């Protein structure tokens, strides 16, 4: 299974967080998006993500770190834990980052 854990939100950068969240929730592709609201890091997903994981309690799903739902290594041979840390750093530094993630 593939999932995008951080989607490119560049087209929504000038919108409020409420509008961004609405776009995430209505998207047909499985999305799990981390974003900042002031100084707080917020984590959201949509219905397609919950269906993909067969978990229909959003908060329960969000309590899992993506690496807990991942194989030890991603298809490129890198450890999921190391790749996740690198992807998060890029997203933090650039403000947005899109990448594919293979799940169990």
Protein backbone atom coordinates (compact mmCIF):
# COMPACT_ATOMS: atom_id res chain seq x y z
CA UNK A 1 0.00 0.00 0.00
CA UNK A 2 1.12 3.52 -0.65
CA UNK A 3 0.16 6.64 1.19
CA UNK A 4 1.28 10.26 1.08
CA UNK A 5 2.14 11.41 4.57
CA UNK A 6 2.89 14.99 3.77
CA UNK A 7 1.08 16.42 0.80
CA UNK A 8 2.18 19.52 -1.10
CA UNK A 9 0.07 22.30 0.36
CA UNK A 10 1.67 25.07 -1.66
CA UNK A 11 -1.56 25.84 -3.49
CA UNK A 12 -3.26 26.33 -0.13
CA UNK A 13 -0.54 28.37 1.61
CA UNK A 14 -2.60 31.55 1.50
CA UNK A 15 -5.68 29.87 2.96
CA UNK A 16 -6.60 29.44 6.57
CA UNK A 17 -5.88 26.19 8.38
CA UNK A 18 -9.63 25.51 8.36
CA UNK A 19 -9.67 25.62 4.55
CA UNK A 20 -6.58 23.41 4.37
CA UNK A 21 -8.21 20.88 6.70
CA UNK A 22 -11.39 20.90 4.60
CA UNK A 23 -9.35 20.17 1.45
CA UNK A 24 -7.59 17.29 3.22
CA UNK A 25 -10.85 15.79 4.48
CA UNK A 26 -12.52 15.97 1.06
CA UNK A 27 -9.57 14.56 -0.92
CA UNK A 28 -10.18 11.12 -2.44
CA UNK A 29 -6.53 10.03 -2.13
CA UNK A 30 -5.32 8.75 1.23
CA UNK A 31 -3.63 11.68 2.95
CA UNK A 32 -2.02 12.15 6.30
CA UNK A 33 -0.84 15.71 6.67
CA UNK A 34 1.25 17.39 9.33
CA UNK A 35 1.07 21.15 9.53
CA UNK A 36 1.75 23.96 11.96
CA UNK A 37 -0.95 26.10 13.52
CA UNK A 38 0.93 28.83 15.32
CA UNK A 39 3.46 26.81 17.36
CA UNK A 40 1.46 23.61 17.56
CA UNK A 41 2.08 20.71 15.17
CA UNK A 42 -1.24 19.31 13.99
CA UNK A 43 -1.78 15.91 12.42
CA UNK A 44 -4.82 15.06 10.32
CA UNK A 45 -5.93 12.39 7.93
CA UNK A 46 -8.96 11.77 5.76
CA UNK A 47 -11.51 9.00 5.33
CA UNK A 48 -9.50 7.33 2.54
CA UNK A 49 -6.54 6.98 4.94
CA UNK A 50 -8.73 5.39 7.62
CA UNK A 51 -10.20 2.99 5.05
CA UNK A 52 -6.75 2.05 3.77
CA UNK A 53 -5.63 1.18 7.31
CA UNK A 54 -9.01 -0.39 8.16
CA UNK A 55 -9.08 1.86 11.22
CA UNK A 56 -12.18 4.03 11.54
CA UNK A 57 -11.18 5.89 14.70
CA UNK A 58 -9.19 8.87 13.42
CA UNK A 59 -7.55 9.68 16.75
CA UNK A 60 -6.50 6.05 17.26
CA UNK A 61 -4.91 6.03 13.81
CA UNK A 62 -3.14 9.35 14.40
CA UNK A 63 -1.71 8.01 17.66
CA UNK A 64 0.47 5.72 15.55
CA UNK A 65 3.73 7.09 14.23
CA UNK A 66 3.93 6.33 10.49
CA UNK A 67 7.03 4.20 11.05
CA UNK A 68 4.97 1.91 13.30
CA UNK A 69 2.80 1.12 10.29
CA UNK A 70 5.75 0.63 7.93
CA UNK A 71 8.10 -2.16 6.93
CA UNK A 72 11.61 -2.00 8.37
CA UNK A 73 12.89 -0.67 5.03
CA UNK A 74 11.34 1.39 2.26
CA UNK A 75 11.68 0.21 -1.39
CA UNK A 76 14.81 2.35 -1.83
CA UNK A 77 16.53 0.19 0.82
CA UNK A 78 16.61 2.89 3.49
CA UNK A 79 15.41 2.18 7.01
CA UNK A 80 11.89 3.54 7.41
CA UNK A 81 12.86 5.26 10.66
CA UNK A 82 15.81 7.05 9.02
CA UNK A 83 13.88 8.00 5.90
CA UNK A 84 10.96 9.31 7.98
CA UNK A 85 13.31 11.54 9.98
CA UNK A 86 14.87 12.88 6.77
CA UNK A 87 11.49 13.52 5.11
CA UNK A 88 10.24 15.36 8.20
CA UNK A 89 13.38 17.54 8.26
CA UNK A 90 12.92 18.46 4.60
CA UNK A 91 9.26 19.30 5.23
CA UNK A 92 10.17 21.41 8.25
CA UNK A 93 12.97 23.24 6.39
CA UNK A 94 10.99 23.84 3.17
CA UNK A 95 7.57 24.27 4.72
CA UNK A 96 6.16 21.44 2.60
CA UNK A 97 7.34 18.15 1.18
CA UNK A 98 5.60 15.42 -0.73
CA UNK A 99 6.80 11.85 -0.73
CA UNK A 100 5.52 8.33 -1.17
CA UNK A 101 5.54 5.98 1.77
CA UNK A 102 5.07 2.21 1.71
CA UNK A 103 3.06 0.76 4.57
CA UNK A 104 2.58 -2.75 5.89
